[in-house]
Protein backbone atom coordinates (compact mmCIF):
# COMPACT_ATOMS: atom_id res chain seq x y z
CA UNK A 1 153.59 -52.02 140.57
CA UNK A 2 153.89 -55.71 141.47
CA UNK A 3 157.50 -56.74 142.11
CA UNK A 4 159.23 -59.99 142.36
CA UNK A 5 159.92 -63.04 140.14
CA UNK A 6 156.90 -64.74 140.88
CA UNK A 7 154.36 -62.92 138.57
CA UNK A 8 153.35 -64.27 135.34
CA UNK A 9 150.71 -64.11 132.70
CA UNK A 10 147.84 -66.46 132.61
CA UNK A 11 145.53 -67.35 129.92
CA UNK A 12 142.06 -66.83 131.59
CA UNK A 13 142.38 -69.65 134.36
CA UNK A 14 144.22 -70.34 137.42
CA UNK A 15 147.37 -72.10 136.81
CA UNK A 16 148.16 -74.55 139.46
CA UNK A 17 151.63 -75.73 140.49
CA UNK A 18 152.60 -79.31 140.05
CA UNK A 19 153.85 -79.13 143.66
CA UNK A 20 151.14 -78.77 146.38
CA UNK A 21 151.38 -75.11 147.99
CA UNK A 22 153.20 -74.77 151.33
CA UNK A 23 150.49 -74.12 153.97
CA UNK A 24 152.54 -71.93 156.06
CA UNK A 25 153.61 -69.78 153.06
CA UNK A 26 150.01 -69.80 151.86
CA UNK A 27 148.78 -68.24 155.14
CA UNK A 28 151.71 -65.68 155.29
CA UNK A 29 150.83 -64.46 151.85
CA UNK A 30 147.62 -62.85 153.17
CA UNK A 31 149.86 -60.17 155.07
CA UNK A 32 150.99 -56.87 153.59
CA UNK A 33 153.87 -56.61 151.34
CA UNK A 34 156.93 -55.07 153.12
CA UNK A 35 157.02 -52.12 150.75
CA UNK A 36 153.37 -51.47 151.40
CA UNK A 37 153.75 -51.60 155.11
CA UNK A 38 154.26 -48.65 157.50
CA UNK A 39 157.48 -48.39 159.44
CA UNK A 40 155.63 -49.23 162.67
CA UNK A 41 154.14 -52.37 161.02
CA UNK A 42 157.50 -53.52 159.84
CA UNK A 43 159.25 -52.74 163.27
CA UNK A 44 156.69 -54.58 165.05
CA UNK A 45 156.92 -57.80 163.16
CA UNK A 46 160.74 -57.65 162.97
CA UNK A 47 161.04 -57.13 166.77
CA UNK A 48 158.78 -59.98 167.54
CA UNK A 49 160.31 -62.23 165.02
CA UNK A 50 163.89 -61.59 166.09
CA UNK A 51 163.03 -62.17 169.60
CA UNK A 52 161.44 -65.20 168.95
CA UNK A 53 164.11 -66.77 166.85
CA UNK A 54 166.89 -65.84 169.74
CA UNK A 55 164.68 -67.53 172.04
CA UNK A 56 164.20 -70.58 169.72
CA UNK A 57 168.01 -71.10 169.29
CA UNK A 58 168.64 -70.55 173.11
CA UNK A 59 170.48 -67.27 172.84
CA UNK A 60 167.95 -65.06 174.60
CA UNK A 61 169.80 -64.82 177.78
CA UNK A 62 173.40 -64.85 176.65
CA UNK A 63 175.60 -62.21 177.89
CA UNK A 64 175.56 -59.00 175.61
CA UNK A 65 172.77 -60.20 173.59
CA UNK A 66 170.81 -57.08 174.51
CA UNK A 67 173.25 -54.89 172.66
CA UNK A 68 173.24 -57.11 169.58
CA UNK A 69 169.32 -57.25 169.55
CA UNK A 70 169.16 -53.36 169.60
CA UNK A 71 171.57 -53.14 166.57
CA UNK A 72 169.39 -55.72 164.79
CA UNK A 73 166.09 -53.92 165.59
CA UNK A 74 167.61 -50.59 164.31
CA UNK A 75 169.31 -51.74 161.17
CA UNK A 76 167.23 -54.91 159.89
CA UNK A 77 164.02 -53.00 159.03
CA UNK A 78 165.58 -50.79 156.45
CA UNK A 79 167.79 -53.67 154.90
CA UNK A 80 164.55 -55.79 154.45
CA UNK A 81 162.78 -52.87 153.04
CA UNK A 82 165.67 -52.47 150.47
CA UNK A 83 166.40 -56.23 149.79
CA UNK A 84 162.99 -57.90 149.71
CA UNK A 85 160.38 -55.24 149.46
CA UNK A 86 157.84 -57.57 147.92
CA UNK A 87 157.97 -60.21 150.52
CA UNK A 88 155.03 -60.39 153.08
CA UNK A 89 155.39 -59.33 156.59
CA UNK A 90 154.27 -62.79 157.94
CA UNK A 91 156.91 -64.51 155.96
CA UNK A 92 159.74 -62.83 158.00
CA UNK A 93 159.44 -65.23 161.11
CA UNK A 94 158.90 -68.12 158.82
CA UNK A 95 162.04 -67.24 156.88
CA UNK A 96 164.06 -66.92 160.08
CA UNK A 97 163.01 -70.34 161.25
CA UNK A 98 163.77 -71.97 158.18
CA UNK A 99 167.21 -70.37 158.26
CA UNK A 100 167.92 -71.63 161.67
CA UNK A 101 166.85 -75.05 160.69
CA UNK A 102 169.53 -74.79 158.07
CA UNK A 103 167.10 -75.16 155.17
CA UNK A 104 169.26 -72.50 153.30
CA UNK A 105 172.61 -74.02 154.16
CA UNK A 106 175.01 -73.45 157.22
CA UNK A 107 174.62 -70.12 158.92
CA UNK A 108 177.10 -68.19 160.82
CA UNK A 109 175.44 -66.50 163.83
CA UNK A 110 172.39 -64.50 164.23
CA UNK A 111 173.12 -60.90 162.81
CA UNK A 112 171.70 -58.52 160.21
CA UNK A 113 173.42 -60.08 157.33
CA UNK A 114 172.42 -63.63 157.98
CA UNK A 115 168.91 -62.55 158.83
CA UNK A 116 168.66 -60.81 155.55
CA UNK A 117 170.07 -63.86 153.81
CA UNK A 118 167.51 -66.09 155.39
CA UNK A 119 164.64 -63.78 154.00
CA UNK A 120 166.11 -63.45 150.54
CA UNK A 121 166.80 -67.15 150.39
CA UNK A 122 163.02 -67.95 151.39
CA UNK A 123 161.72 -65.23 148.98
CA UNK A 124 163.77 -66.87 146.05
CA UNK A 125 162.98 -70.43 147.00
CA UNK A 126 161.21 -72.85 144.65
CA UNK A 127 158.86 -73.82 147.43
CA UNK A 128 157.56 -70.08 147.61
CA UNK A 129 157.54 -69.56 143.87
CA UNK A 130 155.31 -72.69 143.58
CA UNK A 131 153.07 -71.64 146.23
CA UNK A 132 152.58 -68.19 144.85
CA UNK A 133 151.77 -69.70 141.35
CA UNK A 134 149.16 -71.89 142.71
CA UNK A 135 147.11 -68.95 143.79
CA UNK A 136 147.68 -66.62 140.80
CA UNK A 137 144.33 -65.31 139.27
CA UNK A 138 143.93 -63.89 135.79
CA UNK A 139 145.44 -60.62 134.97
CA UNK A 140 142.88 -57.92 135.66
CA UNK A 141 142.41 -54.71 133.77
CA UNK A 142 144.95 -52.05 134.98
CA UNK A 143 143.33 -49.52 137.20
CA UNK A 144 143.84 -46.02 135.88
CA UNK A 145 146.37 -44.00 137.38
CA UNK A 146 145.31 -41.62 140.26
CA UNK A 147 144.48 -38.05 139.28
CA UNK A 148 147.38 -35.41 139.63
CA UNK A 149 145.21 -33.85 142.42
CA UNK A 150 145.08 -37.21 144.23
CA UNK A 151 148.91 -37.78 143.76
CA UNK A 152 149.40 -34.27 145.30
CA UNK A 153 147.34 -34.86 148.39
CA UNK A 154 148.91 -38.40 149.01
CA UNK A 155 152.57 -37.02 148.70
CA UNK A 156 151.51 -34.00 150.87
CA UNK A 157 150.27 -36.29 153.54
CA UNK A 158 153.41 -38.42 153.43
CA UNK A 159 155.44 -35.17 153.88
CA UNK A 160 153.29 -34.08 156.84
CA UNK A 161 153.75 -37.35 158.37
CA UNK A 162 157.52 -37.29 157.99
CA UNK A 163 157.47 -33.80 159.50
CA UNK A 164 155.69 -34.93 162.48
CA UNK A 165 157.91 -37.91 163.10
CA UNK A 166 160.86 -35.41 162.73
CA UNK A 167 159.43 -33.18 165.55
CA UNK A 168 159.29 -36.10 167.89
CA UNK A 169 162.47 -37.70 166.89
CA UNK A 170 160.76 -40.65 165.01
CA UNK A 171 162.32 -42.61 162.30
CA UNK A 172 161.05 -41.64 158.82
CA UNK A 173 164.28 -42.32 156.63
CA UNK A 174 162.62 -44.99 154.50
CA UNK A 175 160.08 -42.40 153.28
CA UNK A 176 162.53 -39.44 152.97
CA UNK A 177 163.44 -39.84 149.37
CA UNK A 178 159.94 -39.65 147.99
CA UNK A 179 159.19 -36.79 150.26
CA UNK A 180 162.20 -35.04 149.26
CA UNK A 181 161.56 -35.51 145.57
CA UNK A 182 157.87 -34.24 146.01
CA UNK A 183 159.06 -31.17 147.93
CA UNK A 184 162.05 -30.46 145.54
CA UNK A 185 159.50 -30.73 142.60
CA UNK A 186 157.42 -27.91 144.18
CA UNK A 187 160.65 -25.78 144.40
CA UNK A 188 160.53 -25.57 148.19
CA UNK A 189 164.01 -26.87 148.69
CA UNK A 190 166.66 -24.31 147.58
CA UNK A 191 170.38 -25.15 148.20
CA UNK A 192 173.54 -23.98 146.51
CA UNK A 193 175.77 -26.35 144.64
CA UNK A 194 178.32 -26.20 147.54
CA UNK A 195 175.62 -26.80 150.07
CA UNK A 196 174.42 -29.86 148.08
CA UNK A 197 177.98 -31.31 147.91
CA UNK A 198 178.53 -30.60 151.71
CA UNK A 199 175.36 -32.61 152.41
CA UNK A 200 176.52 -35.45 150.18
CA UNK A 201 179.82 -35.59 152.03
CA UNK A 202 177.91 -35.60 155.28
CA UNK A 203 175.73 -38.23 153.88
CA UNK A 204 178.80 -40.52 153.04
CA UNK A 205 180.19 -39.91 156.65
CA UNK A 206 176.79 -41.15 158.03
CA UNK A 207 176.94 -44.34 155.77
CA UNK A 208 180.51 -45.04 156.88
CA UNK A 209 179.47 -44.80 160.53
CA UNK A 210 176.44 -46.97 160.15
CA UNK A 211 178.41 -49.57 158.39
CA UNK A 212 181.09 -49.57 160.98
CA UNK A 213 178.19 -50.13 163.54
CA UNK A 214 177.25 -53.19 161.57
CA UNK A 215 180.87 -54.43 161.46
CA UNK A 216 181.04 -54.24 165.28
CA UNK A 217 178.54 -57.01 165.60
CA UNK A 218 179.56 -59.29 162.78
CA UNK A 219 182.59 -61.43 163.48
CA UNK A 220 182.45 -63.69 160.40
CA UNK A 221 185.06 -62.46 157.70
CA UNK A 222 182.62 -63.75 155.01
CA UNK A 223 180.01 -61.19 155.93
CA UNK A 224 182.47 -58.48 156.80
CA UNK A 225 184.26 -58.34 153.48
CA UNK A 226 181.31 -56.67 151.47
CA UNK A 227 180.88 -54.18 154.23
CA UNK A 228 184.51 -53.24 154.28
CA UNK A 229 184.49 -52.90 150.60
CA UNK A 230 181.43 -50.62 150.74
CA UNK A 231 183.23 -48.41 153.24
CA UNK A 232 186.38 -48.45 150.99
CA UNK A 233 184.29 -47.18 148.07
CA UNK A 234 182.86 -44.24 149.92
CA UNK A 235 186.26 -43.28 151.45
CA UNK A 236 187.91 -43.36 147.85
CA UNK A 237 184.98 -41.10 146.64
CA UNK A 238 185.61 -38.78 149.40
CA UNK A 239 189.38 -38.66 149.42
CA UNK A 240 190.34 -39.42 145.95
CA UNK A 241 187.20 -38.53 143.84
CA UNK A 242 186.89 -41.86 142.61
CA UNK A 243 183.36 -42.71 141.09
CA UNK A 244 181.72 -45.50 143.30
CA UNK A 245 179.41 -48.13 141.86
CA UNK A 246 175.88 -47.27 140.94
CA UNK A 247 174.58 -49.10 143.94
CA UNK A 248 176.77 -47.23 146.46
CA UNK A 249 176.22 -43.92 144.76
CA UNK A 250 172.45 -44.48 145.01
CA UNK A 251 172.85 -45.01 148.92
CA UNK A 252 174.80 -41.80 149.01
CA UNK A 253 171.93 -39.89 147.13
CA UNK A 254 169.39 -41.52 149.37
CA UNK A 255 170.99 -40.68 152.56
CA UNK A 256 171.56 -37.08 151.12
CA UNK A 257 167.87 -36.57 150.44
CA UNK A 258 167.13 -37.64 154.06
CA UNK A 259 169.59 -35.18 155.37
CA UNK A 260 168.36 -32.46 153.08
CA UNK A 261 164.73 -33.10 153.97
CA UNK A 262 165.76 -32.93 157.66
CA UNK A 263 167.51 -29.76 157.18
CA UNK A 264 164.35 -28.33 155.27
CA UNK A 265 162.15 -29.41 158.23
CA UNK A 266 164.34 -27.65 160.60
CA UNK A 267 164.10 -24.40 158.60
CA UNK A 268 160.43 -24.53 158.40
CA UNK A 269 160.29 -25.14 162.23
CA UNK A 270 162.63 -22.39 163.15
CA UNK A 271 160.86 -20.04 160.95
CA UNK A 272 157.64 -21.01 162.46
CA UNK A 273 156.08 -21.37 158.91
CA UNK A 274 153.07 -23.70 158.15
CA UNK A 275 154.34 -26.49 156.13
CA UNK A 276 150.69 -27.35 155.17
CA UNK A 277 150.30 -23.80 153.76
CA UNK A 278 153.67 -23.91 152.01
CA UNK A 279 152.69 -27.04 150.14
CA UNK A 280 148.98 -26.04 149.58
CA UNK A 281 150.17 -22.89 147.86
CA UNK A 282 152.07 -25.06 145.19
CA UNK A 283 149.17 -27.33 144.44
CA UNK A 284 147.86 -25.42 141.30
CA UNK A 285 151.74 -25.40 139.96
CA UNK A 286 151.84 -29.26 140.59
CA UNK A 287 148.57 -30.09 138.92
CA UNK A 288 148.92 -27.64 136.08
CA UNK A 289 152.46 -28.69 135.24
CA UNK A 290 151.66 -32.26 135.36
CA UNK A 291 154.54 -32.92 138.05
């Protein structure tokens, strides 16, 4: 499904913007969307772009910059996948450069929050919108949805990929929710209500720890306030059973699915079972039930 505010209908002919398209953005639009990219592809462009922008502003050799870079490399890809999933990979360095040139207003240090803001500001900018409009083509007839059998094998391959990454300590959290949903629909994940609640509490604790890590490298109070509010929401839910906002609750659920999937992978590995066979044995159930 196409995402973003830049899609519109045409009446059989290309609609040209009144403003000439930006050549740099035009070239960047040929790259993959963030949500279509693999974790490796996103990590690669983020690492190169962040290193480049730190060198550009003369902070490459500052004391302590190595620790800050490691934090950014760890956290930023996931934030971009959540905040600007439809932005193109090659727009990331372009957004960083525009941000440091203050095209999106004054900025307060180079950190995860500001780098995400650069990307969001670029993605929502009039310049980008006009450039996208200049290349829009007539709407095509929607392609038929893939068959249930095709959906099954695609989801299965994603789970096998995540399982392989889990075995070698790789990062697969961004794909964990969809893998969990698939495995859960097949009836392969069986936890008691208490176990599920315990995992949710563990997930909440993980989110607090990760957010505290972000706070440790963000000195500006303006950028710290929403992170502190996020922690407070989770703590109130844990300690006082206060219902968090939908966004915060969704993040707890997403983290819970990741931890549950990880526990499931551990059980499969400890039991020396074949994950491939476990999933294949559920194929007919998936296809016949229209899951």
